[in-house]
Each structure stands twice: as structure tokens, then as C-alpha cells.
Amino acid sequence: MSKEYPTYETVGGQISESVTYSRLTEHLRLAAEACYALGHYKKANGDELIGSGFLGIGQLLERMVTQVTALATKGKISLS
């Protein structure tokens, strides 16, 4: 199995900051969706604890998207 590393768009040899932020938030959203799917699957199959754990991780990933977006737009970060 070969491991592919992501390529980054560059401008004058420097990475494109906006594309990199967009890619980061998209991956975080996809990870949150996967956690929600696993959480619901586990709960449907009788594993409440693991299911709740995956649902909680999904919520944390959504909060991380909000934090990254705030950093990308030079907004203030809310820890609540």
C-alpha cells in the first residue's frame, strides 16, 4: 500500500493559505461526519458507550472547524 501525501497549491513557491485552510476544514467536516455515522451505527447495534463516544468526537470536530475558521479569518476564538 503506497501512502500518498497531499499536494499543496503554491504561489511563488509559497503555499496558498486560503486553499490550505479550506482543505483543513473540509477534512475536519468529513471526519465529523464519519464519527456521527459510526456513532449511530454503534448505538443501533447495542453499543451505547462507544456510540456516544463517537458522537462526542464528532461534536468536538465540529467545534474545531469553528476554531480553525476563526483563526483563518483572524476572528476571536471562543473557548466555550
PDB file of N, CA and C in Angstrom:
ATOM      1  N   MET A   1       0.851  -1.174   0.000  1.00  0.00           N
ATOM      2  CA  MET A   1       0.000   0.000   0.000  1.00  0.00           C
ATOM      3  C   MET A   1       0.895   1.236   0.000  1.00  0.00           C
ATOM      4  N   SER A   2       0.708   2.073  -0.993  1.00  0.00           N
ATOM      5  CA  SER A   2       1.517   3.290  -1.053  1.00  0.00           C
ATOM      6  C   SER A   2       0.775   4.428  -0.371  1.00  0.00           C
ATOM      7  N   LYS A   3       1.534   5.242   0.280  1.00  0.00           N
ATOM      8  CA  LYS A   3       0.956   6.374   1.006  1.00  0.00           C
ATOM      9  C   LYS A   3       1.128   7.624   0.159  1.00  0.00           C
ATOM     10  N   GLU A   4       0.008   8.249  -0.177  1.00  0.00           N
ATOM     11  CA  GLU A   4       0.072   9.492  -0.935  1.00  0.00           C
ATOM     12  C   GLU A   4      -0.041  10.664   0.021  1.00  0.00           C
ATOM     13  N   TYR A   5       0.859  11.578  -0.108  1.00  0.00           N
ATOM     14  CA  TYR A   5       0.819  12.773   0.713  1.00  0.00           C
ATOM     15  C   TYR A   5       0.132  13.876  -0.076  1.00  0.00           C
ATOM     16  N   PRO A   6      -0.607  14.716   0.606  1.00  0.00           N
ATOM     17  CA  PRO A   6      -1.326  15.758  -0.132  1.00  0.00           C
ATOM     18  C   PRO A   6      -0.374  16.747  -0.776  1.00  0.00           C
ATOM     19  N   THR A   7      -0.776  17.204  -1.944  1.00  0.00           N
ATOM     20  CA  THR A   7      -0.008  18.262  -2.595  1.00  0.00           C
ATOM     21  C   THR A   7      -0.680  19.586  -2.262  1.00  0.00           C
ATOM     22  N   TYR A   8       0.096  20.606  -2.180  1.00  0.00           N
ATOM     23  CA  TYR A   8      -0.425  21.921  -1.823  1.00  0.00           C
ATOM     24  C   TYR A   8      -0.204  22.881  -2.975  1.00  0.00           C
ATOM     25  N   GLU A   9      -1.240  23.684  -3.246  1.00  0.00           N
ATOM     26  CA  GLU A   9      -1.106  24.699  -4.274  1.00  0.00           C
ATOM     27  C   GLU A   9      -0.149  25.777  -3.781  1.00  0.00           C
ATOM     28  N   THR A  10       0.693  26.229  -4.678  1.00  0.00           N
ATOM     29  CA  THR A  10       1.667  27.253  -4.288  1.00  0.00           C
ATOM     30  C   THR A  10       1.551  28.465  -5.202  1.00  0.00           C
ATOM     31  N   VAL A  11       1.957  29.584  -4.637  1.00  0.00           N
ATOM     32  CA  VAL A  11       2.067  30.828  -5.390  1.00  0.00           C
ATOM     33  C   VAL A  11       3.466  31.349  -5.122  1.00  0.00           C
ATOM     34  N   GLY A  12       4.289  31.361  -6.145  1.00  0.00           N
ATOM     35  CA  GLY A  12       5.664  31.805  -5.980  1.00  0.00           C
ATOM     36  C   GLY A  12       6.452  30.943  -4.997  1.00  0.00           C
ATOM     37  N   GLY A  13       6.130  29.673  -4.933  1.00  0.00           N
ATOM     38  CA  GLY A  13       6.835  28.768  -4.038  1.00  0.00           C
ATOM     39  C   GLY A  13       6.275  28.713  -2.623  1.00  0.00           C
ATOM     40  N   GLN A  14       5.302  29.555  -2.320  1.00  0.00           N
ATOM     41  CA  GLN A  14       4.674  29.572  -1.003  1.00  0.00           C
ATOM     42  C   GLN A  14       3.299  28.909  -1.108  1.00  0.00           C
ATOM     43  N   ILE A  15       2.913  28.167  -0.062  1.00  0.00           N
ATOM     44  CA  ILE A  15       1.611  27.510  -0.115  1.00  0.00           C
ATOM     45  C   ILE A  15       0.493  28.548  -0.117  1.00  0.00           C
ATOM     46  N   SER A  16      -0.607  28.181  -0.751  1.00  0.00           N
ATOM     47  CA  SER A  16      -1.786  29.043  -0.763  1.00  0.00           C
ATOM     48  C   SER A  16      -2.502  28.877   0.572  1.00  0.00           C
ATOM     49  N   GLU A  17      -2.499  29.930   1.352  1.00  0.00           N
ATOM     50  CA  GLU A  17      -3.075  29.868   2.694  1.00  0.00           C
ATOM     51  C   GLU A  17      -4.569  29.573   2.656  1.00  0.00           C
ATOM     52  N   SER A  18      -5.298  30.232   1.772  1.00  0.00           N
ATOM     53  CA  SER A  18      -6.749  30.039   1.736  1.00  0.00           C
ATOM     54  C   SER A  18      -7.125  28.625   1.303  1.00  0.00           C
ATOM     55  N   VAL A  19      -6.429  28.073   0.333  1.00  0.00           N
ATOM     56  CA  VAL A  19      -6.714  26.706  -0.113  1.00  0.00           C
ATOM     57  C   VAL A  19      -6.387  25.717   0.996  1.00  0.00           C
ATOM     58  N   THR A  20      -5.314  25.956   1.719  1.00  0.00           N
ATOM     59  CA  THR A  20      -4.921  25.057   2.797  1.00  0.00           C
ATOM     60  C   THR A  20      -5.932  25.098   3.933  1.00  0.00           C
ATOM     61  N   TYR A  21      -6.414  26.286   4.302  1.00  0.00           N
ATOM     62  CA  TYR A  21      -7.471  26.390   5.318  1.00  0.00           C
ATOM     63  C   TYR A  21      -8.734  25.670   4.864  1.00  0.00           C
ATOM     64  N   SER A  22      -9.098  25.877   3.600  1.00  0.00           N
ATOM     65  CA  SER A  22     -10.296  25.219   3.067  1.00  0.00           C
ATOM     66  C   SER A  22     -10.161  23.708   3.109  1.00  0.00           C
ATOM     67  N   ARG A  23      -9.002  23.218   2.740  1.00  0.00           N
ATOM     68  CA  ARG A  23      -8.767  21.777   2.755  1.00  0.00           C
ATOM     69  C   ARG A  23      -8.822  21.234   4.181  1.00  0.00           C
ATOM     70  N   LEU A  24      -8.245  21.953   5.120  1.00  0.00           N
ATOM     71  CA  LEU A  24      -8.258  21.530   6.514  1.00  0.00           C
ATOM     72  C   LEU A  24      -9.688  21.452   7.051  1.00  0.00           C
ATOM     73  N   THR A  25     -10.480  22.493   6.817  1.00  0.00           N
ATOM     74  CA  THR A  25     -11.852  22.469   7.328  1.00  0.00           C
ATOM     75  C   THR A  25     -12.681  21.386   6.650  1.00  0.00           C
ATOM     76  N   GLU A  26     -12.446  21.134   5.364  1.00  0.00           N
ATOM     77  CA  GLU A  26     -13.182  20.075   4.672  1.00  0.00           C
ATOM     78  C   GLU A  26     -12.854  18.708   5.273  1.00  0.00           C
ATOM     79  N   HIS A  27     -11.588  18.452   5.553  1.00  0.00           N
ATOM     80  CA  HIS A  27     -11.204  17.169   6.156  1.00  0.00           C
ATOM     81  C   HIS A  27     -11.778  17.019   7.564  1.00  0.00           C
ATOM     82  N   LEU A  28     -11.801  18.100   8.316  1.00  0.00           N
ATOM     83  CA  LEU A  28     -12.398  18.038   9.651  1.00  0.00           C
ATOM     84  C   LEU A  28     -13.896  17.752   9.574  1.00  0.00           C
ATOM     85  N   ARG A  29     -14.580  18.365   8.617  1.00  0.00           N
ATOM     86  CA  ARG A  29     -16.017  18.102   8.440  1.00  0.00           C
ATOM     87  C   ARG A  29     -16.267  16.648   8.043  1.00  0.00           C
ATOM     88  N   LEU A  30     -15.436  16.135   7.145  1.00  0.00           N
ATOM     89  CA  LEU A  30     -15.580  14.733   6.741  1.00  0.00           C
ATOM     90  C   LEU A  30     -15.330  13.794   7.917  1.00  0.00           C
ATOM     91  N   ALA A  31     -14.350  14.124   8.742  1.00  0.00           N
ATOM     92  CA  ALA A  31     -14.069  13.299   9.925  1.00  0.00           C
ATOM     93  C   ALA A  31     -15.245  13.349  10.898  1.00  0.00           C
ATOM     94  N   ALA A  32     -15.851  14.519  11.065  1.00  0.00           N
ATOM     95  CA  ALA A  32     -17.017  14.641  11.949  1.00  0.00           C
ATOM     96  C   ALA A  32     -18.172  13.793  11.424  1.00  0.00           C
ATOM     97  N   GLU A  33     -18.420  13.848  10.117  1.00  0.00           N
ATOM     98  CA  GLU A  33     -19.486  13.036   9.525  1.00  0.00           C
ATOM     99  C   GLU A  33     -19.234  11.549   9.739  1.00  0.00           C
ATOM    100  N   ALA A  34     -17.987  11.122   9.571  1.00  0.00           N
ATOM    101  CA  ALA A  34     -17.643   9.713   9.776  1.00  0.00           C
ATOM    102  C   ALA A  34     -17.882   9.310  11.229  1.00  0.00           C
ATOM    103  N   CYS A  35     -17.531  10.179  12.161  1.00  0.00           N
ATOM    104  CA  CYS A  35     -17.766   9.889  13.582  1.00  0.00           C
ATOM    105  C   CYS A  35     -19.251   9.773  13.877  1.00  0.00           C
ATOM    106  N   TYR A  36     -20.053  10.662  13.294  1.00  0.00           N
ATOM    107  CA  TYR A  36     -21.505  10.580  13.502  1.00  0.00           C
ATOM    108  C   TYR A  36     -22.059   9.276  12.943  1.00  0.00           C
ATOM    109  N   ALA A  37     -21.600   8.889  11.754  1.00  0.00           N
ATOM    110  CA  ALA A  37     -22.082   7.651  11.148  1.00  0.00           C
ATOM    111  C   ALA A  37     -21.708   6.449  12.019  1.00  0.00           C
ATOM    112  N   LEU A  38     -20.462   6.411  12.486  1.00  0.00           N
ATOM    113  CA  LEU A  38     -20.034   5.314  13.354  1.00  0.00           C
ATOM    114  C   LEU A  38     -20.783   5.322  14.676  1.00  0.00           C
ATOM    115  N   GLY A  39     -21.011   6.502  15.223  1.00  0.00           N
ATOM    116  CA  GLY A  39     -21.733   6.608  16.486  1.00  0.00           C
ATOM    117  C   GLY A  39     -23.140   6.060  16.380  1.00  0.00           C
ATOM    118  N   HIS A  40     -23.841   6.442  15.324  1.00  0.00           N
ATOM    119  CA  HIS A  40     -25.211   5.956  15.146  1.00  0.00           C
ATOM    120  C   HIS A  40     -25.231   4.453  14.860  1.00  0.00           C
ATOM    121  N   TYR A  41     -24.246   3.987  14.093  1.00  0.00           N
ATOM    122  CA  TYR A  41     -24.158   2.555  13.803  1.00  0.00           C
ATOM    123  C   TYR A  41     -23.944   1.754  15.091  1.00  0.00           C
ATOM    124  N   LYS A  42     -23.003   2.212  15.910  1.00  0.00           N
ATOM    125  CA  LYS A  42     -22.711   1.503  17.165  1.00  0.00           C
ATOM    126  C   LYS A  42     -23.918   1.510  18.093  1.00  0.00           C
ATOM    127  N   LYS A  43     -24.580   2.657  18.210  1.00  0.00           N
ATOM    128  CA  LYS A  43     -25.751   2.735  19.087  1.00  0.00           C
ATOM    129  C   LYS A  43     -26.885   1.844  18.576  1.00  0.00           C
ATOM    130  N   ALA A  44     -27.059   1.769  17.264  1.00  0.00           N
ATOM    131  CA  ALA A  44     -28.101   0.925  16.688  1.00  0.00           C
ATOM    132  C   ALA A  44     -27.823  -0.556  16.932  1.00  0.00           C
ATOM    133  N   ASN A  45     -26.553  -0.883  17.108  1.00  0.00           N
ATOM    134  CA  ASN A  45     -26.169  -2.272  17.346  1.00  0.00           C
ATOM    135  C   ASN A  45     -25.908  -2.570  18.815  1.00  0.00           C
ATOM    136  N   GLY A  46     -26.416  -1.724  19.692  1.00  0.00           N
ATOM    137  CA  GLY A  46     -26.403  -2.000  21.118  1.00  0.00           C
ATOM    138  C   GLY A  46     -25.171  -1.578  21.889  1.00  0.00           C
ATOM    139  N   ASP A  47     -24.241  -0.881  21.262  1.00  0.00           N
ATOM    140  CA  ASP A  47     -23.037  -0.437  21.972  1.00  0.00           C
ATOM    141  C   ASP A  47     -23.166   1.052  22.274  1.00  0.00           C
ATOM    142  N   GLU A  48     -23.930   1.358  23.324  1.00  0.00           N
ATOM    143  CA  GLU A  48     -24.242   2.742  23.680  1.00  0.00           C
ATOM    144  C   GLU A  48     -23.000   3.557  24.025  1.00  0.00           C
ATOM    145  N   LEU A  49     -22.086   2.987  24.783  1.00  0.00           N
ATOM    146  CA  LEU A  49     -20.915   3.724  25.255  1.00  0.00           C
ATOM    147  C   LEU A  49     -20.026   4.162  24.090  1.00  0.00           C
ATOM    148  N   ILE A  50     -19.667   3.218  23.238  1.00  0.00           N
ATOM    149  CA  ILE A  50     -18.803   3.553  22.094  1.00  0.00           C
ATOM    150  C   ILE A  50     -19.548   4.491  21.142  1.00  0.00           C
ATOM    151  N   GLY A  51     -20.836   4.234  20.937  1.00  0.00           N
ATOM    152  CA  GLY A  51     -21.622   5.105  20.068  1.00  0.00           C
ATOM    153  C   GLY A  51     -21.648   6.537  20.568  1.00  0.00           C
ATOM    154  N   SER A  52     -21.871   6.698  21.861  1.00  0.00           N
ATOM    155  CA  SER A  52     -21.870   8.047  22.442  1.00  0.00           C
ATOM    156  C   SER A  52     -20.501   8.697  22.330  1.00  0.00           C
ATOM    157  N   GLY A  53     -19.459   7.897  22.467  1.00  0.00           N
ATOM    158  CA  GLY A  53     -18.095   8.418  22.327  1.00  0.00           C
ATOM    159  C   GLY A  53     -17.845   8.974  20.938  1.00  0.00           C
ATOM    160  N   PHE A  54     -18.256   8.226  19.906  1.00  0.00           N
ATOM    161  CA  PHE A  54     -18.073   8.709  18.535  1.00  0.00           C
ATOM    162  C   PHE A  54     -18.907   9.959  18.271  1.00  0.00           C
ATOM    163  N   LEU A  55     -20.111  10.016  18.810  1.00  0.00           N
ATOM    164  CA  LEU A  55     -20.937  11.208  18.633  1.00  0.00           C
ATOM    165  C   LEU A  55     -20.282  12.421  19.296  1.00  0.00           C
ATOM    166  N   GLY A  56     -19.702  12.212  20.477  1.00  0.00           N
ATOM    167  CA  GLY A  56     -18.994  13.300  21.166  1.00  0.00           C
ATOM    168  C   GLY A  56     -17.782  13.775  20.390  1.00  0.00           C
ATOM    169  N   ILE A  57     -17.042  12.838  19.809  1.00  0.00           N
ATOM    170  CA  ILE A  57     -15.876  13.213  18.998  1.00  0.00           C
ATOM    171  C   ILE A  57     -16.320  14.019  17.782  1.00  0.00           C
ATOM    172  N   GLY A  58     -17.448  13.630  17.178  1.00  0.00           N
ATOM    173  CA  GLY A  58     -17.984  14.391  16.050  1.00  0.00           C
ATOM    174  C   GLY A  58     -18.294  15.829  16.432  1.00  0.00           C
ATOM    175  N   GLN A  59     -18.872  16.007  17.625  1.00  0.00           N
ATOM    176  CA  GLN A  59     -19.158  17.367  18.096  1.00  0.00           C
ATOM    177  C   GLN A  59     -17.870  18.151  18.321  1.00  0.00           C
ATOM    178  N   LEU A  60     -16.869  17.498  18.871  1.00  0.00           N
ATOM    179  CA  LEU A  60     -15.585  18.181  19.080  1.00  0.00           C
ATOM    180  C   LEU A  60     -14.947  18.588  17.754  1.00  0.00           C
ATOM    181  N   LEU A  61     -15.054  17.739  16.756  1.00  0.00           N
ATOM    182  CA  LEU A  61     -14.503  18.077  15.449  1.00  0.00           C
ATOM    183  C   LEU A  61     -15.249  19.262  14.827  1.00  0.00           C
ATOM    184  N   GLU A  62     -16.554  19.323  15.021  1.00  0.00           N
ATOM    185  CA  GLU A  62     -17.305  20.482  14.525  1.00  0.00           C
ATOM    186  C   GLU A  62     -16.857  21.766  15.221  1.00  0.00           C
ATOM    187  N   ARG A  63     -16.598  21.680  16.518  1.00  0.00           N
ATOM    188  CA  ARG A  63     -16.088  22.859  17.236  1.00  0.00           C
ATOM    189  C   ARG A  63     -14.710  23.246  16.710  1.00  0.00           C
ATOM    190  N   MET A  64     -13.911  22.241  16.350  1.00  0.00           N
ATOM    191  CA  MET A  64     -12.583  22.523  15.810  1.00  0.00           C
ATOM    192  C   MET A  64     -12.695  23.256  14.471  1.00  0.00           C
ATOM    193  N   VAL A  65     -13.675  22.901  13.650  1.00  0.00           N
ATOM    194  CA  VAL A  65     -13.900  23.610  12.387  1.00  0.00           C
ATOM    195  C   VAL A  65     -14.177  25.082  12.673  1.00  0.00           C
ATOM    196  N   THR A  66     -15.000  25.337  13.681  1.00  0.00           N
ATOM    197  CA  THR A  66     -15.316  26.715  14.057  1.00  0.00           C
ATOM    198  C   THR A  66     -14.056  27.458  14.499  1.00  0.00           C
ATOM    199  N   GLN A  67     -13.224  26.795  15.284  1.00  0.00           N
ATOM    200  CA  GLN A  67     -11.994  27.427  15.772  1.00  0.00           C
ATOM    201  C   GLN A  67     -11.021  27.709  14.624  1.00  0.00           C
ATOM    202  N   VAL A  68     -10.863  26.757  13.723  1.00  0.00           N
ATOM    203  CA  VAL A  68      -9.954  26.944  12.576  1.00  0.00           C
ATOM    204  C   VAL A  68     -10.472  28.065  11.688  1.00  0.00           C
ATOM    205  N   THR A  69     -11.782  28.114  11.482  1.00  0.00           N
ATOM    206  CA  THR A  69     -12.364  29.183  10.677  1.00  0.00           C
ATOM    207  C   THR A  69     -12.113  30.542  11.317  1.00  0.00           C
ATOM    208  N   ALA A  70     -12.240  30.604  12.633  1.00  0.00           N
ATOM    209  CA  ALA A  70     -11.963  31.864  13.337  1.00  0.00           C
ATOM    210  C   ALA A  70     -10.505  32.267  13.167  1.00  0.00           C
ATOM    211  N   LEU A  71      -9.605  31.305  13.261  1.00  0.00           N
ATOM    212  CA  LEU A  71      -8.189  31.626  13.065  1.00  0.00           C
ATOM    213  C   LEU A  71      -7.910  32.064  11.624  1.00  0.00           C
ATOM    214  N   ALA A  72      -8.562  31.409  10.681  1.00  0.00           N
ATOM    215  CA  ALA A  72      -8.333  31.726   9.271  1.00  0.00           C
ATOM    216  C   ALA A  72      -8.837  33.119   8.923  1.00  0.00           C
ATOM    217  N   THR A  73      -9.892  33.559   9.600  1.00  0.00           N
ATOM    218  CA  THR A  73     -10.454  34.877   9.309  1.00  0.00           C
ATOM    219  C   THR A  73      -9.999  35.924  10.319  1.00  0.00           C
ATOM    220  N   LYS A  74      -9.010  35.553  11.109  1.00  0.00           N
ATOM    221  CA  LYS A  74      -8.452  36.424  12.139  1.00  0.00           C
ATOM    222  C   LYS A  74      -9.506  36.871  13.143  1.00  0.00           C
ATOM    223  N   GLY A  75     -10.479  35.995  13.357  1.00  0.00           N
ATOM    224  CA  GLY A  75     -11.520  36.275  14.327  1.00  0.00           C
ATOM    225  C   GLY A  75     -11.068  35.888  15.713  1.00  0.00           C
ATOM    226  N   LYS A  76     -11.887  36.179  16.671  1.00  0.00           N
ATOM    227  CA  LYS A  76     -11.588  35.808  18.036  1.00  0.00           C
ATOM    228  C   LYS A  76     -12.033  34.384  18.287  1.00  0.00           C
ATOM    229  N   ILE A  77     -11.262  33.668  19.057  1.00  0.00           N
ATOM    230  CA  ILE A  77     -11.563  32.289  19.372  1.00  0.00           C
ATOM    231  C   ILE A  77     -12.324  32.238  20.690  1.00  0.00           C
ATOM    232  N   SER A  78     -13.461  31.549  20.648  1.00  0.00           N
ATOM    233  CA  SER A  78     -14.251  31.360  21.848  1.00  0.00           C
ATOM    234  C   SER A  78     -13.996  29.965  22.385  1.00  0.00           C
ATOM    235  N   LEU A  79     -13.624  29.854  23.638  1.00  0.00           N
ATOM    236  CA  LEU A  79     -13.324  28.552  24.227  1.00  0.00           C
ATOM    237  C   LEU A  79     -14.562  27.865  24.778  1.00  0.00           C
ATOM    238  N   SER A  80     -15.713  28.494  24.687  1.00  0.00           N
ATOM    239  CA  SER A  80     -16.933  27.878  25.229  1.00  0.00           C
ATOM    240  C   SER A  80     -17.655  27.069  24.185  1.00  0.00           C
TER     241      SER A  80
END
